[in-house]
Amino acid sequence: MEHIRDKMESMRTLLKEKETELNDLDQLNTTIFAKEHIVNDELQEARRELIV
């Protein structure tokens, strides 16, 4: 029975670590999308200036 409790605790710990990792990656993804949007806007503006 102790073995099962230890395994469950180990799995809970791993799950918490994976949840933290997932949240971190989600924040990074959001940051990257925002940066991509800014860079695309800057690129479009530069293209407009070159055309004129």
Foldseek 3Di string as FASTA:
>chain_A
DVVVVVVVVVVVVVVVVVVVVVVVVVVVVVVVVVVVVVVVVVVVVVVVVVVD
